[in-house]
Amino acid sequence: MANIVDSSVDPLSGSKSYSIWKIALVGISLGILYWFFTVLTLRFTGSIYISGNISTILIATLGIVIMLNLHMARPLLVALASAISLWGLSEFTNGLSWYETISWSALLYGLTYTLFLWITRYRKNTPVIIAIIVIVIIVRVVLTL
């Protein structure tokens, strides 16, 4: 008996090695690197806000490269949505101890990369983009309260 597959509902296949845990690990690693880049650029800029934003851009670029190498679905959209959602993270974690800052950065980057990659695996572009825009707006509104 033949299986009928509706391509409008079927998620993007990407790679056979696609795993939600793999992208969560990538996000956690990027969160740890975010802290490292923030501390490194803080020495040159003198402002935690500026160094955090520079680190966000560096991490988004690195995340795109890593996801391209892992054949993940829509890496640019995932990295951009995560960067916009976590923009200003260094200001929120300012004043915490170094291990708390690393923990929060790793947790938040792991969660955002996992969430946005899970959303972007579906084929239709319009619902994916609308869902990501709505989630990013909700996150930004909550963070500004």
C-alpha atoms as a PDB file:
ATOM      1  CA  MET A   1       0.000   0.000   0.000  1.00  0.00           C
ATOM      2  CA  ALA A   2       1.343   3.442  -0.927  1.00  0.00           C
ATOM      3  CA  ASN A   3       1.720   6.208   1.632  1.00  0.00           C
ATOM      4  CA  ILE A   4       0.352   9.616   0.710  1.00  0.00           C
ATOM      5  CA  VAL A   5       2.423  12.484   2.068  1.00  0.00           C
ATOM      6  CA  ASP A   6       0.987  15.984   2.110  1.00  0.00           C
ATOM      7  CA  SER A   7       3.995  18.252   1.493  1.00  0.00           C
ATOM      8  CA  SER A   8       2.207  21.259   2.969  1.00  0.00           C
ATOM      9  CA  VAL A   9       2.165  19.633   6.421  1.00  0.00           C
ATOM     10  CA  ASP A  10       5.322  17.539   6.245  1.00  0.00           C
ATOM     11  CA  PRO A  11       8.262  19.171   8.068  1.00  0.00           C
ATOM     12  CA  LEU A  12      11.451  19.987   6.233  1.00  0.00           C
ATOM     13  CA  SER A  13      13.740  17.027   6.221  1.00  0.00           C
ATOM     14  CA  GLY A  14      17.069  18.866   6.215  1.00  0.00           C
ATOM     15  CA  SER A  15      19.532  16.252   7.319  1.00  0.00           C
ATOM     16  CA  LYS A  16      19.045  12.738   8.577  1.00  0.00           C
ATOM     17  CA  SER A  17      21.061  13.736  11.630  1.00  0.00           C
ATOM     18  CA  TYR A  18      18.557  16.442  12.618  1.00  0.00           C
ATOM     19  CA  SER A  19      17.933  16.310  16.339  1.00  0.00           C
ATOM     20  CA  ILE A  20      16.283  18.764  18.687  1.00  0.00           C
ATOM     21  CA  TRP A  21      18.968  17.938  21.252  1.00  0.00           C
ATOM     22  CA  LYS A  22      21.703  18.782  18.801  1.00  0.00           C
ATOM     23  CA  ILE A  23      20.371  22.291  18.224  1.00  0.00           C
ATOM     24  CA  ALA A  24      19.777  22.713  21.973  1.00  0.00           C
ATOM     25  CA  LEU A  25      23.430  21.861  22.533  1.00  0.00           C
ATOM     26  CA  VAL A  26      24.416  24.353  19.829  1.00  0.00           C
ATOM     27  CA  GLY A  27      22.308  27.011  21.560  1.00  0.00           C
ATOM     28  CA  ILE A  28      23.804  26.262  24.962  1.00  0.00           C
ATOM     29  CA  SER A  29      27.313  26.421  23.510  1.00  0.00           C
ATOM     30  CA  LEU A  30      26.526  29.720  21.814  1.00  0.00           C
ATOM     31  CA  GLY A  31      25.197  31.065  25.115  1.00  0.00           C
ATOM     32  CA  ILE A  32      28.491  30.260  26.804  1.00  0.00           C
ATOM     33  CA  LEU A  33      30.397  31.851  23.927  1.00  0.00           C
ATOM     34  CA  TYR A  34      28.128  34.897  24.224  1.00  0.00           C
ATOM     35  CA  TRP A  35      29.388  35.477  27.751  1.00  0.00           C
ATOM     36  CA  PHE A  36      32.993  35.015  26.636  1.00  0.00           C
ATOM     37  CA  PHE A  37      32.619  37.458  23.716  1.00  0.00           C
ATOM     38  CA  THR A  38      30.862  39.992  25.962  1.00  0.00           C
ATOM     39  CA  VAL A  39      33.675  39.908  28.500  1.00  0.00           C
ATOM     40  CA  LEU A  40      36.272  40.106  25.718  1.00  0.00           C
ATOM     41  CA  THR A  41      34.679  43.081  23.939  1.00  0.00           C
ATOM     42  CA  LEU A  42      33.950  44.838  27.245  1.00  0.00           C
ATOM     43  CA  ARG A  43      37.674  45.475  27.559  1.00  0.00           C
ATOM     44  CA  PHE A  44      37.607  47.440  24.301  1.00  0.00           C
ATOM     45  CA  THR A  45      34.262  49.232  24.502  1.00  0.00           C
ATOM     46  CA  GLY A  46      33.912  49.974  28.217  1.00  0.00           C
ATOM     47  CA  SER A  47      30.122  49.571  28.005  1.00  0.00           C
ATOM     48  CA  ILE A  48      28.325  46.352  28.852  1.00  0.00           C
ATOM     49  CA  TYR A  49      25.413  47.313  26.591  1.00  0.00           C
ATOM     50  CA  ILE A  50      27.601  47.872  23.515  1.00  0.00           C
ATOM     51  CA  SER A  51      29.745  44.803  24.132  1.00  0.00           C
ATOM     52  CA  GLY A  52      26.629  42.658  24.620  1.00  0.00           C
ATOM     53  CA  ASN A  53      25.156  43.871  21.331  1.00  0.00           C
ATOM     54  CA  ILE A  54      28.430  43.217  19.494  1.00  0.00           C
ATOM     55  CA  SER A  55      28.486  39.739  21.014  1.00  0.00           C
ATOM     56  CA  THR A  56      24.902  39.124  19.902  1.00  0.00           C
ATOM     57  CA  ILE A  57      25.864  39.877  16.306  1.00  0.00           C
ATOM     58  CA  LEU A  58      28.967  37.679  16.519  1.00  0.00           C
ATOM     59  CA  ILE A  59      26.986  34.801  18.031  1.00  0.00           C
ATOM     60  CA  ALA A  60      24.248  35.086  15.391  1.00  0.00           C
ATOM     61  CA  THR A  61      26.864  34.904  12.646  1.00  0.00           C
ATOM     62  CA  LEU A  62      28.569  31.939  14.277  1.00  0.00           C
ATOM     63  CA  GLY A  63      25.191  30.258  14.801  1.00  0.00           C
ATOM     64  CA  ILE A  64      24.377  30.586  11.094  1.00  0.00           C
ATOM     65  CA  VAL A  65      27.675  28.970  10.140  1.00  0.00           C
ATOM     66  CA  ILE A  66      27.209  26.104  12.604  1.00  0.00           C
ATOM     67  CA  MET A  67      23.616  25.437  11.522  1.00  0.00           C
ATOM     68  CA  LEU A  68      24.643  25.496   7.856  1.00  0.00           C
ATOM     69  CA  ASN A  69      27.288  22.871   8.598  1.00  0.00           C
ATOM     70  CA  LEU A  70      24.693  20.756  10.433  1.00  0.00           C
ATOM     71  CA  HIS A  71      22.168  21.152   7.574  1.00  0.00           C
ATOM     72  CA  MET A  72      19.499  22.651   9.820  1.00  0.00           C
ATOM     73  CA  ALA A  73      16.363  24.224   8.362  1.00  0.00           C
ATOM     74  CA  ARG A  74      16.401  28.018   7.766  1.00  0.00           C
ATOM     75  CA  PRO A  75      19.475  28.944   9.827  1.00  0.00           C
ATOM     76  CA  LEU A  76      19.303  32.650   8.959  1.00  0.00           C
ATOM     77  CA  LEU A  77      15.759  32.943  10.274  1.00  0.00           C
ATOM     78  CA  VAL A  78      16.592  31.041  13.473  1.00  0.00           C
ATOM     79  CA  ALA A  79      19.701  33.109  14.206  1.00  0.00           C
ATOM     80  CA  LEU A  80      17.987  36.409  13.394  1.00  0.00           C
ATOM     81  CA  ALA A  81      14.928  35.653  15.543  1.00  0.00           C
ATOM     82  CA  SER A  82      17.152  34.548  18.431  1.00  0.00           C
ATOM     83  CA  ALA A  83      19.330  37.636  18.134  1.00  0.00           C
ATOM     84  CA  ILE A  84      16.332  39.979  18.122  1.00  0.00           C
ATOM     85  CA  SER A  85      14.736  38.155  21.032  1.00  0.00           C
ATOM     86  CA  LEU A  86      17.898  38.216  23.144  1.00  0.00           C
ATOM     87  CA  TRP A  87      19.062  41.705  22.153  1.00  0.00           C
ATOM     88  CA  GLY A  88      20.210  43.459  25.331  1.00  0.00           C
ATOM     89  CA  LEU A  89      20.750  40.258  27.325  1.00  0.00           C
ATOM     90  CA  SER A  90      23.963  41.638  28.783  1.00  0.00           C
ATOM     91  CA  GLU A  91      22.043  44.508  30.324  1.00  0.00           C
ATOM     92  CA  PHE A  92      19.596  42.099  31.987  1.00  0.00           C
ATOM     93  CA  THR A  93      22.355  39.901  33.388  1.00  0.00           C
ATOM     94  CA  ASN A  94      24.544  42.818  34.466  1.00  0.00           C
ATOM     95  CA  GLY A  95      25.275  42.609  38.172  1.00  0.00           C
ATOM     96  CA  LEU A  96      24.941  38.828  38.420  1.00  0.00           C
ATOM     97  CA  SER A  97      27.933  36.668  39.250  1.00  0.00           C
ATOM     98  CA  TRP A  98      29.832  35.163  36.340  1.00  0.00           C
ATOM     99  CA  TYR A  99      28.402  31.659  36.761  1.00  0.00           C
ATOM    100  CA  GLU A 100      24.825  32.999  36.956  1.00  0.00           C
ATOM    101  CA  THR A 101      25.396  35.041  33.814  1.00  0.00           C
ATOM    102  CA  ILE A 102      26.796  32.027  31.961  1.00  0.00           C
ATOM    103  CA  SER A 103      23.900  29.871  33.168  1.00  0.00           C
ATOM    104  CA  TRP A 104      21.231  32.344  32.072  1.00  0.00           C
ATOM    105  CA  SER A 105      22.926  32.988  28.732  1.00  0.00           C
ATOM    106  CA  ALA A 106      23.291  29.274  28.000  1.00  0.00           C
ATOM    107  CA  LEU A 107      19.711  28.534  29.054  1.00  0.00           C
ATOM    108  CA  LEU A 108      18.163  31.369  27.054  1.00  0.00           C
ATOM    109  CA  TYR A 109      20.208  30.739  23.916  1.00  0.00           C
ATOM    110  CA  GLY A 110      19.464  27.019  24.134  1.00  0.00           C
ATOM    111  CA  LEU A 111      15.740  27.658  24.487  1.00  0.00           C
ATOM    112  CA  THR A 112      15.500  30.270  21.728  1.00  0.00           C
ATOM    113  CA  TYR A 113      17.481  28.266  19.203  1.00  0.00           C
ATOM    114  CA  THR A 114      15.434  25.160  19.992  1.00  0.00           C
ATOM    115  CA  LEU A 115      12.118  27.005  19.792  1.00  0.00           C
ATOM    116  CA  PHE A 116      12.830  28.833  16.556  1.00  0.00           C
ATOM    117  CA  LEU A 117      14.339  25.800  14.840  1.00  0.00           C
ATOM    118  CA  TRP A 118      11.312  23.753  15.841  1.00  0.00           C
ATOM    119  CA  ILE A 119       9.028  26.396  14.307  1.00  0.00           C
ATOM    120  CA  THR A 120      11.041  26.801  11.093  1.00  0.00           C
ATOM    121  CA  ARG A 121      11.078  23.126  10.179  1.00  0.00           C
ATOM    122  CA  TYR A 122       7.684  23.330   8.456  1.00  0.00           C
ATOM    123  CA  ARG A 123       7.505  23.890   4.700  1.00  0.00           C
ATOM    124  CA  LYS A 124       5.111  26.821   4.346  1.00  0.00           C
ATOM    125  CA  ASN A 125       6.897  30.131   4.737  1.00  0.00           C
ATOM    126  CA  THR A 126       4.011  32.440   5.611  1.00  0.00           C
ATOM    127  CA  PRO A 127       2.824  30.716   8.822  1.00  0.00           C
ATOM    128  CA  VAL A 128       6.418  30.223   9.939  1.00  0.00           C
ATOM    129  CA  ILE A 129       7.319  33.882   9.493  1.00  0.00           C
ATOM    130  CA  ILE A 130       4.084  35.058  11.134  1.00  0.00           C
ATOM    131  CA  ALA A 131       4.621  32.747  14.118  1.00  0.00           C
ATOM    132  CA  ILE A 132       8.204  33.915  14.554  1.00  0.00           C
ATOM    133  CA  ILE A 133       7.239  37.590  14.313  1.00  0.00           C
ATOM    134  CA  VAL A 134       4.498  37.127  16.910  1.00  0.00           C
ATOM    135  CA  ILE A 135       6.831  35.268  19.293  1.00  0.00           C
ATOM    136  CA  VAL A 136       9.611  37.839  18.893  1.00  0.00           C
ATOM    137  CA  ILE A 137       7.172  40.701  19.563  1.00  0.00           C
ATOM    138  CA  ILE A 138       5.844  38.950  22.664  1.00  0.00           C
ATOM    139  CA  VAL A 139       9.378  38.318  23.961  1.00  0.00           C
ATOM    140  CA  ARG A 140      10.458  41.910  23.345  1.00  0.00           C
ATOM    141  CA  VAL A 141       7.340  43.321  25.033  1.00  0.00           C
ATOM    142  CA  VAL A 142       7.829  41.057  28.062  1.00  0.00           C
ATOM    143  CA  LEU A 143      11.504  42.004  28.338  1.00  0.00           C
ATOM    144  CA  THR A 144      10.770  45.712  28.239  1.00  0.00           C
ATOM    145  CA  LEU A 145       8.208  45.535  31.072  1.00  0.00           C
END
